[in-house]
Amino acid sequence: RLVMDLKFALSEGFEKINLLTPEAEKAWKNWLK
């Protein structure tokens, strides 16, 4: 939406967070087998 309004994310104060939850990381490591 900010892009639509010609603005950008981090400069607008969006916070960086880790989106990889422990459950998703466990599933990924299982898939790696």
PDB file of all heavy atoms in Angstrom:
ATOM      1  N   ARG A   1       0.823  -1.206   0.000  1.00  0.00           N
ATOM      2  CA  ARG A   1       0.000   0.000   0.000  1.00  0.00           C
ATOM      3  C   ARG A   1       0.858   1.258   0.000  1.00  0.00           C
ATOM      4  O   ARG A   1       0.543   2.238  -0.682  1.00  0.00           O
ATOM      5  CB  ARG A   1      -0.945   0.004   1.208  1.00  0.00           C
ATOM      6  CG  ARG A   1      -1.940   1.148   1.140  1.00  0.00           C
ATOM      7  CD  ARG A   1      -2.945   1.134   2.268  1.00  0.00           C
ATOM      8  NE  ARG A   1      -3.901   2.224   2.076  1.00  0.00           N
ATOM      9  CZ  ARG A   1      -4.847   2.532   2.959  1.00  0.00           C
ATOM     10  NH1 ARG A   1      -4.974   1.833   4.077  1.00  0.00           N
ATOM     11  NH2 ARG A   1      -5.672   3.542   2.731  1.00  0.00           N
ATOM     12  N   LEU A   2       1.951   1.234   0.748  1.00  0.00           N
ATOM     13  CA  LEU A   2       2.854   2.381   0.752  1.00  0.00           C
ATOM     14  C   LEU A   2       3.498   2.581  -0.616  1.00  0.00           C
ATOM     15  O   LEU A   2       3.688   3.712  -1.063  1.00  0.00           O
ATOM     16  CB  LEU A   2       3.938   2.204   1.821  1.00  0.00           C
ATOM     17  CG  LEU A   2       3.472   2.375   3.273  1.00  0.00           C
ATOM     18  CD1 LEU A   2       4.577   1.966   4.227  1.00  0.00           C
ATOM     19  CD2 LEU A   2       3.055   3.811   3.534  1.00  0.00           C
ATOM     20  N   VAL A   3       3.837   1.465  -1.279  1.00  0.00           N
ATOM     21  CA  VAL A   3       4.378   1.568  -2.636  1.00  0.00           C
ATOM     22  C   VAL A   3       3.346   2.218  -3.559  1.00  0.00           C
ATOM     23  O   VAL A   3       3.675   3.070  -4.392  1.00  0.00           O
ATOM     24  CB  VAL A   3       4.793   0.185  -3.164  1.00  0.00           C
ATOM     25  CG1 VAL A   3       5.101   0.234  -4.650  1.00  0.00           C
ATOM     26  CG2 VAL A   3       6.016  -0.319  -2.401  1.00  0.00           C
ATOM     27  N   MET A   4       2.093   1.820  -3.395  1.00  0.00           N
ATOM     28  CA  MET A   4       1.024   2.423  -4.191  1.00  0.00           C
ATOM     29  C   MET A   4       0.970   3.929  -3.959  1.00  0.00           C
ATOM     30  O   MET A   4       0.702   4.710  -4.868  1.00  0.00           O
ATOM     31  CB  MET A   4      -0.328   1.792  -3.829  1.00  0.00           C
ATOM     32  CG  MET A   4      -1.503   2.327  -4.641  1.00  0.00           C
ATOM     33  SD  MET A   4      -3.078   1.510  -4.224  1.00  0.00           S
ATOM     34  CE  MET A   4      -3.429   2.214  -2.600  1.00  0.00           C
ATOM     35  N   ASP A   5       1.269   4.314  -2.724  1.00  0.00           N
ATOM     36  CA  ASP A   5       1.264   5.735  -2.362  1.00  0.00           C
ATOM     37  C   ASP A   5       2.641   6.373  -2.527  1.00  0.00           C
ATOM     38  O   ASP A   5       2.896   7.474  -2.043  1.00  0.00           O
ATOM     39  CB  ASP A   5       0.798   5.914  -0.908  1.00  0.00           C
ATOM     40  CG  ASP A   5      -0.642   5.489  -0.726  1.00  0.00           C
ATOM     41  OD1 ASP A   5      -1.408   5.566  -1.701  1.00  0.00           O
ATOM     42  OD2 ASP A   5      -1.008   5.084   0.385  1.00  0.00           O
ATOM     43  N   LEU A   6       3.571   5.651  -3.187  1.00  0.00           N
ATOM     44  CA  LEU A   6       4.924   6.139  -3.489  1.00  0.00           C
ATOM     45  C   LEU A   6       5.755   6.407  -2.246  1.00  0.00           C
ATOM     46  O   LEU A   6       6.485   7.378  -2.152  1.00  0.00           O
ATOM     47  CB  LEU A   6       4.855   7.407  -4.360  1.00  0.00           C
ATOM     48  CG  LEU A   6       4.137   7.250  -5.693  1.00  0.00           C
ATOM     49  CD1 LEU A   6       4.157   8.556  -6.464  1.00  0.00           C
ATOM     50  CD2 LEU A   6       4.755   6.134  -6.523  1.00  0.00           C
ATOM     51  N   LYS A   7       5.616   5.504  -1.281  1.00  0.00           N
ATOM     52  CA  LYS A   7       6.458   5.560  -0.090  1.00  0.00           C
ATOM     53  C   LYS A   7       7.162   4.212   0.048  1.00  0.00           C
ATOM     54  O   LYS A   7       6.879   3.269  -0.677  1.00  0.00           O
ATOM     55  CB  LYS A   7       5.607   5.857   1.148  1.00  0.00           C
ATOM     56  CG  LYS A   7       4.877   7.197   1.063  1.00  0.00           C
ATOM     57  CD  LYS A   7       3.983   7.399   2.267  1.00  0.00           C
ATOM     58  CE  LYS A   7       3.164   8.670   2.147  1.00  0.00           C
ATOM     59  NZ  LYS A   7       2.214   8.840   3.245  1.00  0.00           N
ATOM     60  N   PHE A   8       8.059   4.091   1.022  1.00  0.00           N
ATOM     61  CA  PHE A   8       8.799   2.851   1.158  1.00  0.00           C
ATOM     62  C   PHE A   8       8.846   2.397   2.608  1.00  0.00           C
ATOM     63  O   PHE A   8       8.753   3.198   3.533  1.00  0.00           O
ATOM     64  CB  PHE A   8      10.205   3.006   0.578  1.00  0.00           C
ATOM     65  CG  PHE A   8      10.186   3.267  -0.893  1.00  0.00           C
ATOM     66  CD1 PHE A   8      10.241   4.566  -1.370  1.00  0.00           C
ATOM     67  CD2 PHE A   8      10.060   2.232  -1.783  1.00  0.00           C
ATOM     68  CE1 PHE A   8      10.187   4.825  -2.738  1.00  0.00           C
ATOM     69  CE2 PHE A   8      10.011   2.482  -3.146  1.00  0.00           C
ATOM     70  CZ  PHE A   8      10.072   3.782  -3.630  1.00  0.00           C
ATOM     71  N   ALA A   9       9.028   1.077   2.775  1.00  0.00           N
ATOM     72  CA  ALA A   9       8.771   0.416   4.044  1.00  0.00           C
ATOM     73  C   ALA A   9       9.676   0.832   5.204  1.00  0.00           C
ATOM     74  O   ALA A   9       9.214   1.423   6.173  1.00  0.00           O
ATOM     75  CB  ALA A   9       8.859  -1.096   3.858  1.00  0.00           C
ATOM     76  N   LEU A  10      10.955   0.507   5.124  1.00  0.00           N
ATOM     77  CA  LEU A  10      11.816   0.745   6.283  1.00  0.00           C
ATOM     78  C   LEU A  10      11.945   2.231   6.598  1.00  0.00           C
ATOM     79  O   LEU A  10      12.022   2.624   7.763  1.00  0.00           O
ATOM     80  CB  LEU A  10      13.196   0.128   6.051  1.00  0.00           C
ATOM     81  CG  LEU A  10      13.206  -1.403   5.956  1.00  0.00           C
ATOM     82  CD1 LEU A  10      14.618  -1.897   5.651  1.00  0.00           C
ATOM     83  CD2 LEU A  10      12.694  -2.020   7.246  1.00  0.00           C
ATOM     84  N   SER A  11      11.928   3.060   5.559  1.00  0.00           N
ATOM     85  CA  SER A  11      11.997   4.500   5.804  1.00  0.00           C
ATOM     86  C   SER A  11      10.730   5.017   6.466  1.00  0.00           C
ATOM     87  O   SER A  11      10.715   6.112   7.020  1.00  0.00           O
ATOM     88  CB  SER A  11      12.221   5.257   4.484  1.00  0.00           C
ATOM     89  OG  SER A  11      11.122   5.077   3.606  1.00  0.00           O
ATOM     90  N   GLU A  12       9.669   4.207   6.412  1.00  0.00           N
ATOM     91  CA  GLU A  12       8.404   4.579   7.045  1.00  0.00           C
ATOM     92  C   GLU A  12       8.241   3.932   8.408  1.00  0.00           C
ATOM     93  O   GLU A  12       7.155   3.960   8.990  1.00  0.00           O
ATOM     94  CB  GLU A  12       7.231   4.193   6.134  1.00  0.00           C
ATOM     95  CG  GLU A  12       7.150   5.006   4.862  1.00  0.00           C
ATOM     96  CD  GLU A  12       6.943   6.486   5.129  1.00  0.00           C
ATOM     97  OE1 GLU A  12       6.079   6.819   5.952  1.00  0.00           O
ATOM     98  OE2 GLU A  12       7.659   7.300   4.525  1.00  0.00           O
ATOM     99  N   GLY A  13       9.292   3.312   8.908  1.00  0.00           N
ATOM    100  CA  GLY A  13       9.268   2.808  10.273  1.00  0.00           C
ATOM    101  C   GLY A  13       8.859   1.355  10.443  1.00  0.00           C
ATOM    102  O   GLY A  13       8.614   0.916  11.570  1.00  0.00           O
ATOM    103  N   PHE A  14       8.771   0.587   9.341  1.00  0.00           N
ATOM    104  CA  PHE A  14       8.459  -0.827   9.500  1.00  0.00           C
ATOM    105  C   PHE A  14       9.597  -1.527  10.227  1.00  0.00           C
ATOM    106  O   PHE A  14      10.770  -1.323   9.920  1.00  0.00           O
ATOM    107  CB  PHE A  14       8.235  -1.488   8.134  1.00  0.00           C
ATOM    108  CG  PHE A  14       6.840  -1.319   7.609  1.00  0.00           C
ATOM    109  CD1 PHE A  14       6.460  -0.115   7.033  1.00  0.00           C
ATOM    110  CD2 PHE A  14       5.916  -2.332   7.716  1.00  0.00           C
ATOM    111  CE1 PHE A  14       5.181   0.057   6.552  1.00  0.00           C
ATOM    112  CE2 PHE A  14       4.634  -2.168   7.238  1.00  0.00           C
ATOM    113  CZ  PHE A  14       4.255  -0.971   6.657  1.00  0.00           C
ATOM    114  N   GLU A  15       9.251  -2.376  11.192  1.00  0.00           N
ATOM    115  CA  GLU A  15      10.237  -3.075  12.004  1.00  0.00           C
ATOM    116  C   GLU A  15      10.597  -4.418  11.384  1.00  0.00           C
ATOM    117  O   GLU A  15       9.725  -5.140  10.887  1.00  0.00           O
ATOM    118  CB  GLU A  15       9.671  -3.312  13.405  1.00  0.00           C
ATOM    119  CG  GLU A  15      10.608  -4.018  14.359  1.00  0.00           C
ATOM    120  CD  GLU A  15       9.958  -4.295  15.706  1.00  0.00           C
ATOM    121  OE1 GLU A  15       8.801  -3.872  15.893  1.00  0.00           O
ATOM    122  OE2 GLU A  15      10.612  -4.936  16.544  1.00  0.00           O
ATOM    123  N   LYS A  16      11.880  -4.769  11.396  1.00  0.00           N
ATOM    124  CA  LYS A  16      12.308  -6.074  10.915  1.00  0.00           C
ATOM    125  C   LYS A  16      12.090  -7.124  12.004  1.00  0.00           C
ATOM    126  O   LYS A  16      12.485  -6.924  13.154  1.00  0.00           O
ATOM    127  CB  LYS A  16      13.796  -6.038  10.530  1.00  0.00           C
ATOM    128  CG  LYS A  16      14.106  -5.216   9.290  1.00  0.00           C
ATOM    129  CD  LYS A  16      15.594  -5.142   9.018  1.00  0.00           C
ATOM    130  CE  LYS A  16      16.169  -6.503   8.687  1.00  0.00           C
ATOM    131  NZ  LYS A  16      17.591  -6.425   8.274  1.00  0.00           N
ATOM    132  N   ILE A  17      11.425  -8.240  11.646  1.00  0.00           N
ATOM    133  CA  ILE A  17      11.242  -9.331  12.595  1.00  0.00           C
ATOM    134  C   ILE A  17      11.575 -10.652  11.905  1.00  0.00           C
ATOM    135  O   ILE A  17      11.600 -10.745  10.683  1.00  0.00           O
ATOM    136  CB  ILE A  17       9.804  -9.383  13.162  1.00  0.00           C
ATOM    137  CG1 ILE A  17       8.817  -9.874  12.093  1.00  0.00           C
ATOM    138  CG2 ILE A  17       9.367  -8.046  13.702  1.00  0.00           C
ATOM    139  CD1 ILE A  17       7.496 -10.288  12.682  1.00  0.00           C
ATOM    140  N   ASN A  18      11.825 -11.681  12.702  1.00  0.00           N
ATOM    141  CA  ASN A  18      12.097 -13.014  12.164  1.00  0.00           C
ATOM    142  C   ASN A  18      10.771 -13.715  11.896  1.00  0.00           C
ATOM    143  O   ASN A  18      10.025 -14.030  12.827  1.00  0.00           O
ATOM    144  CB  ASN A  18      12.940 -13.821  13.151  1.00  0.00           C
ATOM    145  CG  ASN A  18      13.313 -15.178  12.602  1.00  0.00           C
ATOM    146  OD1 ASN A  18      13.073 -15.472  11.430  1.00  0.00           O
ATOM    147  ND2 ASN A  18      13.898 -16.015  13.443  1.00  0.00           N
ATOM    148  N   LEU A  19      10.452 -13.972  10.635  1.00  0.00           N
ATOM    149  CA  LEU A  19       9.191 -14.608  10.272  1.00  0.00           C
ATOM    150  C   LEU A  19       9.237 -16.127  10.394  1.00  0.00           C
ATOM    151  O   LEU A  19       8.197 -16.787  10.310  1.00  0.00           O
ATOM    152  CB  LEU A  19       8.808 -14.235   8.833  1.00  0.00           C
ATOM    153  CG  LEU A  19       8.612 -12.741   8.542  1.00  0.00           C
ATOM    154  CD1 LEU A  19       8.256 -12.546   7.070  1.00  0.00           C
ATOM    155  CD2 LEU A  19       7.544 -12.133   9.429  1.00  0.00           C
ATOM    156  N   LEU A  20      10.426 -16.696  10.574  1.00  0.00           N
ATOM    157  CA  LEU A  20      10.568 -18.149  10.657  1.00  0.00           C
ATOM    158  C   LEU A  20      10.301 -18.613  12.086  1.00  0.00           C
ATOM    159  O   LEU A  20      11.131 -18.460  12.975  1.00  0.00           O
ATOM    160  CB  LEU A  20      11.977 -18.566  10.214  1.00  0.00           C
ATOM    161  CG  LEU A  20      12.233 -20.073  10.130  1.00  0.00           C
ATOM    162  CD1 LEU A  20      11.364 -20.705   9.040  1.00  0.00           C
ATOM    163  CD2 LEU A  20      13.708 -20.349   9.860  1.00  0.00           C
ATOM    164  N   THR A  21       9.117 -19.181  12.324  1.00  0.00           N
ATOM    165  CA  THR A  21       8.760 -19.683  13.648  1.00  0.00           C
ATOM    166  C   THR A  21       9.474 -21.008  13.909  1.00  0.00           C
ATOM    167  O   THR A  21       9.883 -21.703  12.970  1.00  0.00           O
ATOM    168  CB  THR A  21       7.245 -19.891  13.776  1.00  0.00           C
ATOM    169  OG1 THR A  21       6.830 -20.865  12.801  1.00  0.00           O
ATOM    170  CG2 THR A  21       6.488 -18.585  13.564  1.00  0.00           C
ATOM    171  N   PRO A  22       9.608 -21.405  15.180  1.00  0.00           N
ATOM    172  CA  PRO A  22      10.244 -22.700  15.478  1.00  0.00           C
ATOM    173  C   PRO A  22       9.547 -23.870  14.787  1.00  0.00           C
ATOM    174  O   PRO A  22      10.207 -24.811  14.334  1.00  0.00           O
ATOM    175  CB  PRO A  22      10.122 -22.793  17.004  1.00  0.00           C
ATOM    176  CG  PRO A  22      10.087 -21.369  17.471  1.00  0.00           C
ATOM    177  CD  PRO A  22       9.317 -20.640  16.404  1.00  0.00           C
ATOM    178  N   GLU A  23       8.222 -23.827  14.688  1.00  0.00           N
ATOM    179  CA  GLU A  23       7.471 -24.909  14.044  1.00  0.00           C
ATOM    180  C   GLU A  23       7.802 -25.004  12.560  1.00  0.00           C
ATOM    181  O   GLU A  23       8.006 -26.095  12.009  1.00  0.00           O
ATOM    182  CB  GLU A  23       5.968 -24.700  14.239  1.00  0.00           C
ATOM    183  CG  GLU A  23       5.482 -24.857  15.673  1.00  0.00           C
ATOM    184  CD  GLU A  23       5.756 -23.651  16.543  1.00  0.00           C
ATOM    185  OE1 GLU A  23       6.185 -22.598  15.993  1.00  0.00           O
ATOM    186  OE2 GLU A  23       5.553 -23.740  17.773  1.00  0.00           O
ATOM    187  N   ALA A  24       7.863 -23.828  11.891  1.00  0.00           N
ATOM    188  CA  ALA A  24       8.176 -23.826  10.465  1.00  0.00           C
ATOM    189  C   ALA A  24       9.621 -24.249  10.226  1.00  0.00           C
ATOM    190  O   ALA A  24       9.925 -24.942   9.249  1.00  0.00           O
ATOM    191  CB  ALA A  24       7.918 -22.438   9.871  1.00  0.00           C
ATOM    192  N   GLU A  25      10.528 -23.842  11.116  1.00  0.00           N
ATOM    193  CA  GLU A  25      11.932 -24.232  10.980  1.00  0.00           C
ATOM    194  C   GLU A  25      12.092 -25.744  11.144  1.00  0.00           C
ATOM    195  O   GLU A  25      12.845 -26.390  10.394  1.00  0.00           O
ATOM    196  CB  GLU A  25      12.797 -23.511  12.013  1.00  0.00           C
ATOM    197  CG  GLU A  25      14.276 -23.807  11.867  1.00  0.00           C
ATOM    198  CD  GLU A  25      15.126 -23.015  12.851  1.00  0.00           C
ATOM    199  OE1 GLU A  25      14.589 -22.556  13.877  1.00  0.00           O
ATOM    200  OE2 GLU A  25      16.326 -22.866  12.580  1.00  0.00           O
ATOM    201  N   LYS A  26      11.337 -26.332  12.067  1.00  0.00           N
ATOM    202  CA  LYS A  26      11.378 -27.779  12.270  1.00  0.00           C
ATOM    203  C   LYS A  26      10.893 -28.512  11.023  1.00  0.00           C
ATOM    204  O   LYS A  26      11.490 -29.504  10.591  1.00  0.00           O
ATOM    205  CB  LYS A  26      10.519 -28.154  13.481  1.00  0.00           C
ATOM    206  CG  LYS A  26      10.533 -29.631  13.811  1.00  0.00           C
ATOM    207  CD  LYS A  26       9.675 -29.926  15.038  1.00  0.00           C
ATOM    208  CE  LYS A  26       9.664 -31.424  15.350  1.00  0.00           C
ATOM    209  NZ  LYS A  26       8.805 -31.712  16.536  1.00  0.00           N
ATOM    210  N   ALA A  27       9.798 -28.015  10.432  1.00  0.00           N
ATOM    211  CA  ALA A  27       9.265 -28.634   9.209  1.00  0.00           C
ATOM    212  C   ALA A  27      10.269 -28.538   8.065  1.00  0.00           C
ATOM    213  O   ALA A  27      10.442 -29.480   7.286  1.00  0.00           O
ATOM    214  CB  ALA A  27       7.940 -27.968   8.825  1.00  0.00           C
ATOM    215  N   TRP A  28      10.939 -27.398   7.950  1.00  0.00           N
ATOM    216  CA  TRP A  28      11.943 -27.205   6.894  1.00  0.00           C
ATOM    217  C   TRP A  28      13.119 -28.165   7.078  1.00  0.00           C
ATOM    218  O   TRP A  28      13.567 -28.787   6.110  1.00  0.00           O
ATOM    219  CB  TRP A  28      12.422 -25.754   6.912  1.00  0.00           C
ATOM    220  CG  TRP A  28      13.638 -25.496   6.091  1.00  0.00           C
ATOM    221  CD1 TRP A  28      13.764 -25.620   4.739  1.00  0.00           C
ATOM    222  CD2 TRP A  28      14.922 -25.075   6.566  1.00  0.00           C
ATOM    223  NE1 TRP A  28      15.042 -25.288   4.334  1.00  0.00           N
ATOM    224  CE2 TRP A  28      15.763 -24.942   5.442  1.00  0.00           C
ATOM    225  CE3 TRP A  28      15.425 -24.768   7.826  1.00  0.00           C
ATOM    226  CZ2 TRP A  28      17.088 -24.539   5.557  1.00  0.00           C
ATOM    227  CZ3 TRP A  28      16.757 -24.356   7.940  1.00  0.00           C
ATOM    228  CH2 TRP A  28      17.566 -24.257   6.816  1.00  0.00           C
ATOM    229  N   LYS A  29      13.606 -28.303   8.299  1.00  0.00           N
ATOM    230  CA  LYS A  29      14.738 -29.200   8.558  1.00  0.00           C
ATOM    231  C   LYS A  29      14.358 -30.650   8.261  1.00  0.00           C
ATOM    232  O   LYS A  29      15.182 -31.433   7.777  1.00  0.00           O
ATOM    233  CB  LYS A  29      15.214 -29.039  10.003  1.00  0.00           C
ATOM    234  CG  LYS A  29      15.949 -27.726  10.237  1.00  0.00           C
ATOM    235  CD  LYS A  29      16.446 -27.598  11.670  1.00  0.00           C
ATOM    236  CE  LYS A  29      17.242 -26.298  11.851  1.00  0.00           C
ATOM    237  NZ  LYS A  29      17.699 -26.108  13.251  1.00  0.00           N
ATOM    238  N   ASN A  30      13.102 -30.998   8.532  1.00  0.00           N
ATOM    239  CA  ASN A  30      12.630 -32.336   8.194  1.00  0.00           C
ATOM    240  C   ASN A  30      12.584 -32.529   6.678  1.00  0.00           C
ATOM    241  O   ASN A  30      12.955 -33.577   6.150  1.00  0.00           O
ATOM    242  CB  ASN A  30      11.239 -32.567   8.798  1.00  0.00           C
ATOM    243  CG  ASN A  30      10.769 -33.988   8.612  1.00  0.00           C
ATOM    244  OD1 ASN A  30      11.443 -34.933   9.019  1.00  0.00           O
ATOM    245  ND2 ASN A  30       9.601 -34.152   8.019  1.00  0.00           N
ATOM    246  N   TRP A  31      12.150 -31.471   5.959  1.00  0.00           N
ATOM    247  CA  TRP A  31      12.096 -31.531   4.501  1.00  0.00           C
ATOM    248  C   TRP A  31      13.499 -31.678   3.898  1.00  0.00           C
ATOM    249  O   TRP A  31      13.690 -32.350   2.882  1.00  0.00           O
ATOM    250  CB  TRP A  31      11.422 -30.274   3.951  1.00  0.00           C
ATOM    251  CG  TRP A  31      11.472 -30.163   2.457  1.00  0.00           C
ATOM    252  CD1 TRP A  31      10.656 -30.771   1.548  1.00  0.00           C
ATOM    253  CD2 TRP A  31      12.408 -29.394   1.694  1.00  0.00           C
ATOM    254  NE1 TRP A  31      11.019 -30.430   0.268  1.00  0.00           N
ATOM    255  CE2 TRP A  31      12.089 -29.586   0.330  1.00  0.00           C
ATOM    256  CE3 TRP A  31      13.468 -28.548   2.021  1.00  0.00           C
ATOM    257  CZ2 TRP A  31      12.800 -28.966  -0.702  1.00  0.00           C
ATOM    258  CZ3 TRP A  31      14.183 -27.947   1.007  1.00  0.00           C
ATOM    259  CH2 TRP A  31      13.851 -28.153  -0.335  1.00  0.00           C
ATOM    260  N   LEU A  32      14.495 -31.070   4.538  1.00  0.00           N
ATOM    261  CA  LEU A  32      15.870 -31.112   4.032  1.00  0.00           C
ATOM    262  C   LEU A  32      16.425 -32.531   3.943  1.00  0.00           C
ATOM    263  O   LEU A  32      17.366 -32.785   3.186  1.00  0.00           O
ATOM    264  CB  LEU A  32      16.786 -30.270   4.926  1.00  0.00           C
ATOM    265  CG  LEU A  32      16.736 -28.748   4.744  1.00  0.00           C
ATOM    266  CD1 LEU A  32      17.627 -28.073   5.777  1.00  0.00           C
ATOM    267  CD2 LEU A  32      17.156 -28.348   3.339  1.00  0.00           C
ATOM    268  N   LYS A  33      15.813 -33.461   4.684  1.00  0.00           N
ATOM    269  CA  LYS A  33      16.298 -34.843   4.654  1.00  0.00           C
ATOM    270  C   LYS A  33      16.159 -35.450   3.266  1.00  0.00           C
ATOM    271  O   LYS A  33      16.928 -36.314   2.872  1.00  0.00           O
ATOM    272  CB  LYS A  33      15.535 -35.678   5.682  1.00  0.00           C
ATOM    273  CG  LYS A  33      15.772 -35.248   7.132  1.00  0.00           C
ATOM    274  CD  LYS A  33      14.890 -36.019   8.094  1.00  0.00           C
ATOM    275  CE  LYS A  33      15.068 -35.528   9.529  1.00  0.00           C
ATOM    276  NZ  LYS A  33      14.164 -36.228  10.474  1.00  0.00           N
TER     277      LYS A  33
END
